[in-house]
Amino acid sequence: MEKLISCCGLDCATCDARIATIANDMDLRAKTAESWSVQFNAAITTEMINCVGCRETGVHFAHCTQCEIRNCVKDKGFDTCRDCNELDSCPKIANILQFVPDAKTNLLSLQ
């Protein structure tokens, strides 16, 4: 399966929001909205589940514009956190790397 690595190293290709957007799958959008609302303790609607991937041109999930990691990467002119020499010590990405260790592997796999 193709990988589509986000700024922080998550694989957007496996993200339900992206999958639902690409397939225009309203059932998956609803399921994802419900799941994420519980997981993130936030009011996420079916209509909010639209995203083609963090680094892709097109529609993005509402949180993307507020994501401190994505904004940091863009402000520094980088493609991902891999381009930053603070990757191993950055408090912004530490939480992602703690709970999703594959994110760092994904970042390090980029050339």
PDB file of N, CA and C in Angstrom:
ATOM      1  N   MET A   1       0.840  -1.184   0.000  1.00  0.00           N
ATOM      2  CA  MET A   1       0.000   0.000   0.000  1.00  0.00           C
ATOM      3  C   MET A   1       0.887   1.250   0.000  1.00  0.00           C
ATOM      4  N   GLU A   2       0.474   2.213  -0.754  1.00  0.00           N
ATOM      5  CA  GLU A   2       1.173   3.494  -0.827  1.00  0.00           C
ATOM      6  C   GLU A   2       1.165   4.191   0.531  1.00  0.00           C
ATOM      7  N   LYS A   3       2.254   4.867   0.839  1.00  0.00           N
ATOM      8  CA  LYS A   3       2.295   5.688   2.044  1.00  0.00           C
ATOM      9  C   LYS A   3       2.215   7.145   1.628  1.00  0.00           C
ATOM     10  N   LEU A   4       1.519   7.908   2.418  1.00  0.00           N
ATOM     11  CA  LEU A   4       1.362   9.339   2.180  1.00  0.00           C
ATOM     12  C   LEU A   4       1.637   9.999   3.533  1.00  0.00           C
ATOM     13  N   ILE A   5       2.873  10.371   3.762  1.00  0.00           N
ATOM     14  CA  ILE A   5       3.326  10.782   5.088  1.00  0.00           C
ATOM     15  C   ILE A   5       3.010  12.254   5.361  1.00  0.00           C
ATOM     16  N   SER A   6       2.406  12.483   6.506  1.00  0.00           N
ATOM     17  CA  SER A   6       2.046  13.839   6.944  1.00  0.00           C
ATOM     18  C   SER A   6       3.264  14.568   7.489  1.00  0.00           C
ATOM     19  N   CYS A   7       3.088  15.802   7.848  1.00  0.00           N
ATOM     20  CA  CYS A   7       4.176  16.605   8.420  1.00  0.00           C
ATOM     21  C   CYS A   7       4.789  15.944   9.643  1.00  0.00           C
ATOM     22  N   CYS A   8       3.964  15.299  10.466  1.00  0.00           N
ATOM     23  CA  CYS A   8       4.436  14.707  11.719  1.00  0.00           C
ATOM     24  C   CYS A   8       4.787  13.231  11.587  1.00  0.00           C
ATOM     25  N   GLY A   9       4.538  12.646  10.422  1.00  0.00           N
ATOM     26  CA  GLY A   9       4.904  11.256  10.219  1.00  0.00           C
ATOM     27  C   GLY A   9       3.745  10.275  10.183  1.00  0.00           C
ATOM     28  N   LEU A  10       2.535  10.741  10.455  1.00  0.00           N
ATOM     29  CA  LEU A  10       1.392   9.843  10.337  1.00  0.00           C
ATOM     30  C   LEU A  10       1.195   9.486   8.869  1.00  0.00           C
ATOM     31  N   ASP A  11       0.637   8.322   8.617  1.00  0.00           N
ATOM     32  CA  ASP A  11       0.416   7.878   7.248  1.00  0.00           C
ATOM     33  C   ASP A  11      -1.003   8.238   6.825  1.00  0.00           C
ATOM     34  N   CYS A  12      -1.126   9.308   6.068  1.00  0.00           N
ATOM     35  CA  CYS A  12      -2.442   9.778   5.619  1.00  0.00           C
ATOM     36  C   CYS A  12      -3.143   8.751   4.739  1.00  0.00           C
ATOM     37  N   ALA A  13      -2.385   7.892   4.073  1.00  0.00           N
ATOM     38  CA  ALA A  13      -2.997   6.888   3.190  1.00  0.00           C
ATOM     39  C   ALA A  13      -3.881   5.919   3.966  1.00  0.00           C
ATOM     40  N   THR A  14      -3.621   5.776   5.266  1.00  0.00           N
ATOM     41  CA  THR A  14      -4.421   4.856   6.080  1.00  0.00           C
ATOM     42  C   THR A  14      -5.450   5.584   6.943  1.00  0.00           C
ATOM     43  N   CYS A  15      -5.544   6.889   6.797  1.00  0.00           N
ATOM     44  CA  CYS A  15      -6.455   7.693   7.611  1.00  0.00           C
ATOM     45  C   CYS A  15      -7.886   7.581   7.079  1.00  0.00           C
ATOM     46  N   ASP A  16      -8.818   7.291   7.973  1.00  0.00           N
ATOM     47  CA  ASP A  16     -10.215   7.138   7.574  1.00  0.00           C
ATOM     48  C   ASP A  16     -10.796   8.405   6.972  1.00  0.00           C
ATOM     49  N   ALA A  17     -10.349   9.568   7.410  1.00  0.00           N
ATOM     50  CA  ALA A  17     -10.859  10.819   6.832  1.00  0.00           C
ATOM     51  C   ALA A  17     -10.449  10.931   5.368  1.00  0.00           C
ATOM     52  N   ARG A  18      -9.221  10.617   5.072  1.00  0.00           N
ATOM     53  CA  ARG A  18      -8.755  10.673   3.678  1.00  0.00           C
ATOM     54  C   ARG A  18      -9.434   9.608   2.839  1.00  0.00           C
ATOM     55  N   ILE A  19      -9.518   8.409   3.368  1.00  0.00           N
ATOM     56  CA  ILE A  19     -10.157   7.318   2.639  1.00  0.00           C
ATOM     57  C   ILE A  19     -11.614   7.679   2.322  1.00  0.00           C
ATOM     58  N   ALA A  20     -12.318   8.223   3.306  1.00  0.00           N
ATOM     59  CA  ALA A  20     -13.714   8.617   3.097  1.00  0.00           C
ATOM     60  C   ALA A  20     -13.829   9.740   2.080  1.00  0.00           C
ATOM     61  N   THR A  21     -12.890  10.675   2.115  1.00  0.00           N
ATOM     62  CA  THR A  21     -12.913  11.799   1.170  1.00  0.00           C
ATOM     63  C   THR A  21     -12.673  11.306  -0.253  1.00  0.00           C
ATOM     64  N   ILE A  22     -11.636  10.519  -0.432  1.00  0.00           N
ATOM     65  CA  ILE A  22     -11.286  10.030  -1.764  1.00  0.00           C
ATOM     66  C   ILE A  22     -12.423   9.176  -2.345  1.00  0.00           C
ATOM     67  N   ALA A  23     -13.036   8.335  -1.505  1.00  0.00           N
ATOM     68  CA  ALA A  23     -14.105   7.440  -1.962  1.00  0.00           C
ATOM     69  C   ALA A  23     -15.486   8.094  -1.904  1.00  0.00           C
ATOM     70  N   ASN A  24     -15.546   9.321  -1.348  1.00  0.00           N
ATOM     71  CA  ASN A  24     -16.825   9.990  -1.110  1.00  0.00           C
ATOM     72  C   ASN A  24     -17.791   9.054  -0.377  1.00  0.00           C
ATOM     73  N   ASP A  25     -17.288   8.455   0.687  1.00  0.00           N
ATOM     74  CA  ASP A  25     -18.011   7.448   1.468  1.00  0.00           C
ATOM     75  C   ASP A  25     -18.661   8.108   2.690  1.00  0.00           C
ATOM     76  N   MET A  26     -19.935   8.402   2.575  1.00  0.00           N
ATOM     77  CA  MET A  26     -20.646   9.097   3.650  1.00  0.00           C
ATOM     78  C   MET A  26     -20.764   8.237   4.910  1.00  0.00           C
ATOM     79  N   ASP A  27     -20.884   6.930   4.759  1.00  0.00           N
ATOM     80  CA  ASP A  27     -20.954   6.057   5.930  1.00  0.00           C
ATOM     81  C   ASP A  27     -19.649   6.095   6.715  1.00  0.00           C
ATOM     82  N   LEU A  28     -18.511   6.036   6.008  1.00  0.00           N
ATOM     83  CA  LEU A  28     -17.213   6.100   6.683  1.00  0.00           C
ATOM     84  C   LEU A  28     -17.003   7.481   7.301  1.00  0.00           C
ATOM     85  N   ARG A  29     -17.465   8.538   6.636  1.00  0.00           N
ATOM     86  CA  ARG A  29     -17.370   9.882   7.219  1.00  0.00           C
ATOM     87  C   ARG A  29     -18.125   9.927   8.553  1.00  0.00           C
ATOM     88  N   ALA A  30     -19.341   9.400   8.564  1.00  0.00           N
ATOM     89  CA  ALA A  30     -20.158   9.411   9.781  1.00  0.00           C
ATOM     90  C   ALA A  30     -19.504   8.586  10.885  1.00  0.00           C
ATOM     91  N   LYS A  31     -19.016   7.413  10.536  1.00  0.00           N
ATOM     92  CA  LYS A  31     -18.350   6.543  11.514  1.00  0.00           C
ATOM     93  C   LYS A  31     -17.096   7.216  12.072  1.00  0.00           C
ATOM     94  N   THR A  32     -16.318   7.840  11.195  1.00  0.00           N
ATOM     95  CA  THR A  32     -15.094   8.525  11.619  1.00  0.00           C
ATOM     96  C   THR A  32     -15.423   9.716  12.508  1.00  0.00           C
ATOM     97  N   ALA A  33     -16.415  10.487  12.151  1.00  0.00           N
ATOM     98  CA  ALA A  33     -16.822  11.637  12.965  1.00  0.00           C
ATOM     99  C   ALA A  33     -17.236  11.188  14.365  1.00  0.00           C
ATOM    100  N   GLU A  34     -17.998  10.128  14.425  1.00  0.00           N
ATOM    101  CA  GLU A  34     -18.444   9.604  15.716  1.00  0.00           C
ATOM    102  C   GLU A  34     -17.259   9.115  16.548  1.00  0.00           C
ATOM    103  N   SER A  35     -16.382   8.351  15.916  1.00  0.00           N
ATOM    104  CA  SER A  35     -15.216   7.808  16.602  1.00  0.00           C
ATOM    105  C   SER A  35     -14.279   8.914  17.088  1.00  0.00           C
ATOM    106  N   TRP A  36     -13.984   9.874  16.217  1.00  0.00           N
ATOM    107  CA  TRP A  36     -13.077  10.957  16.586  1.00  0.00           C
ATOM    108  C   TRP A  36     -13.687  11.875  17.637  1.00  0.00           C
ATOM    109  N   SER A  37     -14.988  12.045  17.612  1.00  0.00           N
ATOM    110  CA  SER A  37     -15.645  12.873  18.633  1.00  0.00           C
ATOM    111  C   SER A  37     -15.399  12.304  20.024  1.00  0.00           C
ATOM    112  N   VAL A  38     -15.478  10.978  20.125  1.00  0.00           N
ATOM    113  CA  VAL A  38     -15.225  10.314  21.405  1.00  0.00           C
ATOM    114  C   VAL A  38     -13.731  10.344  21.724  1.00  0.00           C
ATOM    115  N   GLN A  39     -12.915   9.958  20.755  1.00  0.00           N
ATOM    116  CA  GLN A  39     -11.460   9.860  20.967  1.00  0.00           C
ATOM    117  C   GLN A  39     -10.846  11.193  21.373  1.00  0.00           C
ATOM    118  N   PHE A  40     -11.282  12.284  20.740  1.00  0.00           N
ATOM    119  CA  PHE A  40     -10.677  13.584  20.986  1.00  0.00           C
ATOM    120  C   PHE A  40     -11.548  14.501  21.846  1.00  0.00           C
ATOM    121  N   ASN A  41     -12.655  13.953  22.353  1.00  0.00           N
ATOM    122  CA  ASN A  41     -13.564  14.714  23.201  1.00  0.00           C
ATOM    123  C   ASN A  41     -13.911  16.058  22.550  1.00  0.00           C
ATOM    124  N   ALA A  42     -14.366  15.970  21.301  1.00  0.00           N
ATOM    125  CA  ALA A  42     -14.683  17.160  20.525  1.00  0.00           C
ATOM    126  C   ALA A  42     -15.934  16.893  19.693  1.00  0.00           C
ATOM    127  N   ALA A  43     -16.604  17.954  19.325  1.00  0.00           N
ATOM    128  CA  ALA A  43     -17.794  17.838  18.488  1.00  0.00           C
ATOM    129  C   ALA A  43     -17.361  17.837  17.025  1.00  0.00           C
ATOM    130  N   ILE A  44     -17.221  16.654  16.461  1.00  0.00           N
ATOM    131  CA  ILE A  44     -16.793  16.514  15.073  1.00  0.00           C
ATOM    132  C   ILE A  44     -17.980  15.989  14.270  1.00  0.00           C
ATOM    133  N   THR A  45     -18.328  16.730  13.250  1.00  0.00           N
ATOM    134  CA  THR A  45     -19.478  16.363  12.430  1.00  0.00           C
ATOM    135  C   THR A  45     -19.046  15.595  11.189  1.00  0.00           C
ATOM    136  N   THR A  46     -19.985  14.925  10.592  1.00  0.00           N
ATOM    137  CA  THR A  46     -19.735  14.195   9.355  1.00  0.00           C
ATOM    138  C   THR A  46     -19.199  15.135   8.283  1.00  0.00           C
ATOM    139  N   GLU A  47     -19.737  16.337   8.231  1.00  0.00           N
ATOM    140  CA  GLU A  47     -19.318  17.320   7.228  1.00  0.00           C
ATOM    141  C   GLU A  47     -17.866  17.747   7.401  1.00  0.00           C
ATOM    142  N   MET A  48     -17.328  17.608   8.593  1.00  0.00           N
ATOM    143  CA  MET A  48     -15.941  17.988   8.852  1.00  0.00           C
ATOM    144  C   MET A  48     -14.942  16.943   8.345  1.00  0.00           C
ATOM    145  N   ILE A  49     -15.417  15.752   8.051  1.00  0.00           N
ATOM    146  CA  ILE A  49     -14.535  14.671   7.629  1.00  0.00           C
ATOM    147  C   ILE A  49     -14.298  14.777   6.125  1.00  0.00           C
ATOM    148  N   ASN A  50     -13.400  15.663   5.777  1.00  0.00           N
ATOM    149  CA  ASN A  50     -12.968  15.911   4.407  1.00  0.00           C
ATOM    150  C   ASN A  50     -11.495  16.260   4.446  1.00  0.00           C
ATOM    151  N   CYS A  51     -10.661  15.408   3.880  1.00  0.00           N
ATOM    152  CA  CYS A  51      -9.230  15.674   3.888  1.00  0.00           C
ATOM    153  C   CYS A  51      -8.552  14.795   2.833  1.00  0.00           C
ATOM    154  N   VAL A  52      -7.651  15.396   2.088  1.00  0.00           N
ATOM    155  CA  VAL A  52      -6.894  14.630   1.094  1.00  0.00           C
ATOM    156  C   VAL A  52      -5.494  14.281   1.590  1.00  0.00           C
ATOM    157  N   GLY A  53      -5.142  14.766   2.749  1.00  0.00           N
ATOM    158  CA  GLY A  53      -3.823  14.494   3.316  1.00  0.00           C
ATOM    159  C   GLY A  53      -3.136  15.792   3.690  1.00  0.00           C
ATOM    160  N   CYS A  54      -2.449  15.769   4.782  1.00  0.00           N
ATOM    161  CA  CYS A  54      -1.816  16.943   5.390  1.00  0.00           C
ATOM    162  C   CYS A  54      -0.976  17.760   4.418  1.00  0.00           C
ATOM    163  N   ARG A  55      -0.203  17.075   3.595  1.00  0.00           N
ATOM    164  CA  ARG A  55       0.726  17.789   2.702  1.00  0.00           C
ATOM    165  C   ARG A  55       0.223  17.891   1.270  1.00  0.00           C
ATOM    166  N   GLU A  56      -0.978  17.398   1.032  1.00  0.00           N
ATOM    167  CA  GLU A  56      -1.547  17.416  -0.311  1.00  0.00           C
ATOM    168  C   GLU A  56      -2.313  18.708  -0.555  1.00  0.00           C
ATOM    169  N   THR A  57      -2.423  19.089  -1.812  1.00  0.00           N
ATOM    170  CA  THR A  57      -3.218  20.247  -2.188  1.00  0.00           C
ATOM    171  C   THR A  57      -4.675  19.827  -2.242  1.00  0.00           C
ATOM    172  N   GLY A  58      -5.524  20.593  -1.619  1.00  0.00           N
ATOM    173  CA  GLY A  58      -6.948  20.282  -1.618  1.00  0.00           C
ATOM    174  C   GLY A  58      -7.542  20.499  -0.242  1.00  0.00           C
ATOM    175  N   VAL A  59      -8.658  19.871  -0.002  1.00  0.00           N
ATOM    176  CA  VAL A  59      -9.392  20.034   1.241  1.00  0.00           C
ATOM    177  C   VAL A  59      -8.646  19.354   2.392  1.00  0.00           C
ATOM    178  N   HIS A  60      -8.729  19.993   3.575  1.00  0.00           N
ATOM    179  CA  HIS A  60      -8.090  19.441   4.771  1.00  0.00           C
ATOM    180  C   HIS A  60      -9.077  19.423   5.925  1.00  0.00           C
ATOM    181  N   PHE A  61      -8.874  18.486   6.821  1.00  0.00           N
ATOM    182  CA  PHE A  61      -9.666  18.418   8.049  1.00  0.00           C
ATOM    183  C   PHE A  61      -9.504  19.734   8.803  1.00  0.00           C
ATOM    184  N   ALA A  62     -10.550  20.174   9.462  1.00  0.00           N
ATOM    185  CA  ALA A  62     -10.561  21.478  10.135  1.00  0.00           C
ATOM    186  C   ALA A  62      -9.364  21.680  11.061  1.00  0.00           C
ATOM    187  N   HIS A  63      -8.942  20.645  11.759  1.00  0.00           N
ATOM    188  CA  HIS A  63      -7.825  20.780  12.701  1.00  0.00           C
ATOM    189  C   HIS A  63      -6.502  21.114  11.996  1.00  0.00           C
ATOM    190  N   CYS A  64      -6.364  20.745  10.740  1.00  0.00           N
ATOM    191  CA  CYS A  64      -5.095  20.960  10.024  1.00  0.00           C
ATOM    192  C   CYS A  64      -4.640  22.410  10.058  1.00  0.00           C
ATOM    193  N   THR A  65      -5.572  23.341   9.942  1.00  0.00           N
ATOM    194  CA  THR A  65      -5.191  24.754   9.948  1.00  0.00           C
ATOM    195  C   THR A  65      -4.709  25.199  11.328  1.00  0.00           C
ATOM    196  N   GLN A  66      -5.082  24.449  12.364  1.00  0.00           N
ATOM    197  CA  GLN A  66      -4.692  24.785  13.726  1.00  0.00           C
ATOM    198  C   GLN A  66      -3.553  23.909  14.250  1.00  0.00           C
ATOM    199  N   CYS A  67      -3.161  22.908  13.504  1.00  0.00           N
ATOM    200  CA  CYS A  67      -2.160  21.948  13.962  1.00  0.00           C
ATOM    201  C   CYS A  67      -0.810  22.641  14.137  1.00  0.00           C
ATOM    202  N   GLU A  68      -0.316  22.651  15.373  1.00  0.00           N
ATOM    203  CA  GLU A  68       0.938  23.352  15.639  1.00  0.00           C
ATOM    204  C   GLU A  68       2.126  22.687  14.947  1.00  0.00           C
ATOM    205  N   ILE A  69       2.060  21.394  14.746  1.00  0.00           N
ATOM    206  CA  ILE A  69       3.158  20.707  14.060  1.00  0.00           C
ATOM    207  C   ILE A  69       3.167  21.098  12.582  1.00  0.00           C
ATOM    208  N   ARG A  70       2.019  21.001  11.940  1.00  0.00           N
ATOM    209  CA  ARG A  70       1.919  21.360  10.521  1.00  0.00           C
ATOM    210  C   ARG A  70       2.290  22.823  10.306  1.00  0.00           C
ATOM    211  N   ASN A  71       1.797  23.698  11.175  1.00  0.00           N
ATOM    212  CA  ASN A  71       2.111  25.128  11.053  1.00  0.00           C
ATOM    213  C   ASN A  71       3.598  25.395  11.259  1.00  0.00           C
ATOM    214  N   CYS A  72       4.214  24.694  12.186  1.00  0.00           N
ATOM    215  CA  CYS A  72       5.651  24.843  12.427  1.00  0.00           C
ATOM    216  C   CYS A  72       6.440  24.417  11.190  1.00  0.00           C
ATOM    217  N   VAL A  73       6.090  23.272  10.637  1.00  0.00           N
ATOM    218  CA  VAL A  73       6.765  22.772   9.438  1.00  0.00           C
ATOM    219  C   VAL A  73       6.647  23.795   8.311  1.00  0.00           C
ATOM    220  N   LYS A  74       5.442  24.302   8.097  1.00  0.00           N
ATOM    221  CA  LYS A  74       5.220  25.275   7.018  1.00  0.00           C
ATOM    222  C   LYS A  74       5.976  26.579   7.290  1.00  0.00           C
ATOM    223  N   ASP A  75       5.947  27.060   8.551  1.00  0.00           N
ATOM    224  CA  ASP A  75       6.641  28.300   8.905  1.00  0.00           C
ATOM    225  C   ASP A  75       8.149  28.197   8.668  1.00  0.00           C
ATOM    226  N   LYS A  76       8.697  27.007   8.891  1.00  0.00           N
ATOM    227  CA  LYS A  76      10.140  26.798   8.701  1.00  0.00           C
ATOM    228  C   LYS A  76      10.492  26.483   7.255  1.00  0.00           C
ATOM    229  N   GLY A  77       9.472  26.333   6.405  1.00  0.00           N
ATOM    230  CA  GLY A  77       9.722  26.037   4.998  1.00  0.00           C
ATOM    231  C   GLY A  77      10.115  24.592   4.744  1.00  0.00           C
ATOM    232  N   PHE A  78       9.769  23.703   5.665  1.00  0.00           N
ATOM    233  CA  PHE A  78      10.106  22.290   5.534  1.00  0.00           C
ATOM    234  C   PHE A  78       8.950  21.528   4.888  1.00  0.00           C
ATOM    235  N   ASP A  79       9.236  20.294   4.465  1.00  0.00           N
ATOM    236  CA  ASP A  79       8.189  19.391   3.990  1.00  0.00           C
ATOM    237  C   ASP A  79       7.586  18.616   5.150  1.00  0.00           C
ATOM    238  N   THR A  80       8.448  18.154   6.048  1.00  0.00           N
ATOM    239  CA  THR A  80       8.015  17.387   7.225  1.00  0.00           C
ATOM    240  C   THR A  80       8.952  17.699   8.382  1.00  0.00           C
ATOM    241  N   CYS A  81       8.642  17.137   9.526  1.00  0.00           N
ATOM    242  CA  CYS A  81       9.506  17.286  10.693  1.00  0.00           C
ATOM    243  C   CYS A  81      10.872  16.625  10.484  1.00  0.00           C
ATOM    244  N   ARG A  82      10.968  15.711   9.546  1.00  0.00           N
ATOM    245  CA  ARG A  82      12.247  15.061   9.261  1.00  0.00           C
ATOM    246  C   ARG A  82      13.297  16.084   8.842  1.00  0.00           C
ATOM    247  N   ASP A  83      12.869  17.154   8.215  1.00  0.00           N
ATOM    248  CA  ASP A  83      13.795  18.181   7.735  1.00  0.00           C
ATOM    249  C   ASP A  83      14.359  19.045   8.860  1.00  0.00           C
ATOM    250  N   CYS A  84      13.807  18.919  10.051  1.00  0.00           N
ATOM    251  CA  CYS A  84      14.201  19.766  11.179  1.00  0.00           C
ATOM    252  C   CYS A  84      15.242  19.051  12.046  1.00  0.00           C
ATOM    253  N   ASN A  85      16.290  19.771  12.424  1.00  0.00           N
ATOM    254  CA  ASN A  85      17.327  19.157  13.263  1.00  0.00           C
ATOM    255  C   ASN A  85      16.884  19.009  14.719  1.00  0.00           C
ATOM    256  N   GLU A  86      15.677  19.443  15.044  1.00  0.00           N
ATOM    257  CA  GLU A  86      15.148  19.310  16.408  1.00  0.00           C
ATOM    258  C   GLU A  86      14.174  18.144  16.545  1.00  0.00           C
ATOM    259  N   LEU A  87      14.091  17.283  15.541  1.00  0.00           N
ATOM    260  CA  LEU A  87      13.135  16.174  15.553  1.00  0.00           C
ATOM    261  C   LEU A  87      13.189  15.373  16.851  1.00  0.00           C
ATOM    262  N   ASP A  88      14.372  15.026  17.309  1.00  0.00           N
ATOM    263  CA  ASP A  88      14.496  14.176  18.495  1.00  0.00           C
ATOM    264  C   ASP A  88      14.222  14.902  19.810  1.00  0.00           C
ATOM    265  N   SER A  89      14.225  16.222  19.799  1.00  0.00           N
ATOM    266  CA  SER A  89      14.024  16.965  21.051  1.00  0.00           C
ATOM    267  C   SER A  89      12.796  17.870  21.035  1.00  0.00           C
ATOM    268  N   CYS A  90      12.033  17.856  19.968  1.00  0.00           N
ATOM    269  CA  CYS A  90      10.910  18.778  19.807  1.00  0.00           C
ATOM    270  C   CYS A  90       9.715  18.383  20.671  1.00  0.00           C
ATOM    271  N   PRO A  91       9.266  19.290  21.536  1.00  0.00           N
ATOM    272  CA  PRO A  91       8.101  18.983  22.365  1.00  0.00           C
ATOM    273  C   PRO A  91       6.797  18.965  21.564  1.00  0.00           C
ATOM    274  N   LYS A  92       6.770  19.617  20.412  1.00  0.00           N
ATOM    275  CA  LYS A  92       5.542  19.648  19.607  1.00  0.00           C
ATOM    276  C   LYS A  92       5.205  18.274  19.040  1.00  0.00           C
ATOM    277  N   ILE A  93       6.209  17.540  18.628  1.00  0.00           N
ATOM    278  CA  ILE A  93       5.966  16.237  18.003  1.00  0.00           C
ATOM    279  C   ILE A  93       6.111  15.077  18.992  1.00  0.00           C
ATOM    280  N   ALA A  94       6.609  15.343  20.166  1.00  0.00           N
ATOM    281  CA  ALA A  94       6.887  14.284  21.149  1.00  0.00           C
ATOM    282  C   ALA A  94       5.667  13.415  21.447  1.00  0.00           C
ATOM    283  N   ASN A  95       4.500  14.013  21.578  1.00  0.00           N
ATOM    284  CA  ASN A  95       3.296  13.253  21.908  1.00  0.00           C
ATOM    285  C   ASN A  95       2.934  12.282  20.788  1.00  0.00           C
ATOM    286  N   ILE A  96       3.035  12.745  19.557  1.00  0.00           N
ATOM    287  CA  ILE A  96       2.752  11.866  18.409  1.00  0.00           C
ATOM    288  C   ILE A  96       3.727  10.690  18.418  1.00  0.00           C
ATOM    289  N   LEU A  97       5.006  10.989  18.568  1.00  0.00           N
ATOM    290  CA  LEU A  97       6.022   9.945  18.520  1.00  0.00           C
ATOM    291  C   LEU A  97       5.895   8.973  19.685  1.00  0.00           C
ATOM    292  N   GLN A  98       5.413   9.447  20.811  1.00  0.00           N
ATOM    293  CA  GLN A  98       5.225   8.578  21.967  1.00  0.00           C
ATOM    294  C   GLN A  98       4.114   7.562  21.717  1.00  0.00           C
ATOM    295  N   PHE A  99       3.012   8.022  21.139  1.00  0.00           N
ATOM    296  CA  PHE A  99       1.851   7.151  20.960  1.00  0.00           C
ATOM    297  C   PHE A  99       1.799   6.468  19.594  1.00  0.00           C
ATOM    298  N   VAL A 100       2.532   6.987  18.633  1.00  0.00           N
ATOM    299  CA  VAL A 100       2.576   6.393  17.290  1.00  0.00           C
ATOM    300  C   VAL A 100       4.045   6.302  16.864  1.00  0.00           C
ATOM    301  N   PRO A 101       4.770   5.332  17.396  1.00  0.00           N
ATOM    302  CA  PRO A 101       6.190   5.226  17.085  1.00  0.00           C
ATOM    303  C   PRO A 101       6.474   5.039  15.594  1.00  0.00           C
ATOM    304  N   ASP A 102       5.526   4.493  14.846  1.00  0.00           N
ATOM    305  CA  ASP A 102       5.714   4.340  13.400  1.00  0.00           C
ATOM    306  C   ASP A 102       5.850   5.693  12.707  1.00  0.00           C
ATOM    307  N   ALA A 103       5.362   6.748  13.346  1.00  0.00           N
ATOM    308  CA  ALA A 103       5.450   8.089  12.744  1.00  0.00           C
ATOM    309  C   ALA A 103       6.919   8.465  12.534  1.00  0.00           C
ATOM    310  N   LYS A 104       7.774   8.191  13.493  1.00  0.00           N
ATOM    311  CA  LYS A 104       9.193   8.516  13.329  1.00  0.00           C
ATOM    312  C   LYS A 104       9.826   7.640  12.246  1.00  0.00           C
ATOM    313  N   THR A 105       9.465   6.384  12.236  1.00  0.00           N
ATOM    314  CA  THR A 105       9.956   5.479  11.197  1.00  0.00           C
ATOM    315  C   THR A 105       9.535   6.005   9.824  1.00  0.00           C
ATOM    316  N   ASN A 106       8.289   6.436   9.713  1.00  0.00           N
ATOM    317  CA  ASN A 106       7.795   7.001   8.456  1.00  0.00           C
ATOM    318  C   ASN A 106       8.600   8.233   8.053  1.00  0.00           C
ATOM    319  N   LEU A 107       8.845   9.120   9.011  1.00  0.00           N
ATOM    320  CA  LEU A 107       9.617  10.325   8.719  1.00  0.00           C
ATOM    321  C   LEU A 107      11.022   9.983   8.248  1.00  0.00           C
ATOM    322  N   LEU A 108      11.667   9.064   8.953  1.00  0.00           N
ATOM    323  CA  LEU A 108      13.038   8.703   8.628  1.00  0.00           C
ATOM    324  C   LEU A 108      13.141   7.958   7.295  1.00  0.00           C
ATOM    325  N   SER A 109      12.023   7.395   6.834  1.00  0.00           N
ATOM    326  CA  SER A 109      12.030   6.685   5.555  1.00  0.00           C
ATOM    327  C   SER A 109      11.963   7.646   4.360  1.00  0.00           C
ATOM    328  N   LEU A 110      11.626   8.897   4.621  1.00  0.00           N
ATOM    329  CA  LEU A 110      11.526   9.877   3.547  1.00  0.00           C
ATOM    330  C   LEU A 110      12.914  10.294   3.090  1.00  0.00           C
ATOM    331  N   GLN A 111      13.039  10.602   1.811  1.00  0.00           N
ATOM    332  CA  GLN A 111      14.338  11.018   1.304  1.00  0.00           C
ATOM    333  C   GLN A 111      14.347  12.473   0.971  1.00  0.00           C
TER     334      GLN A 111
END
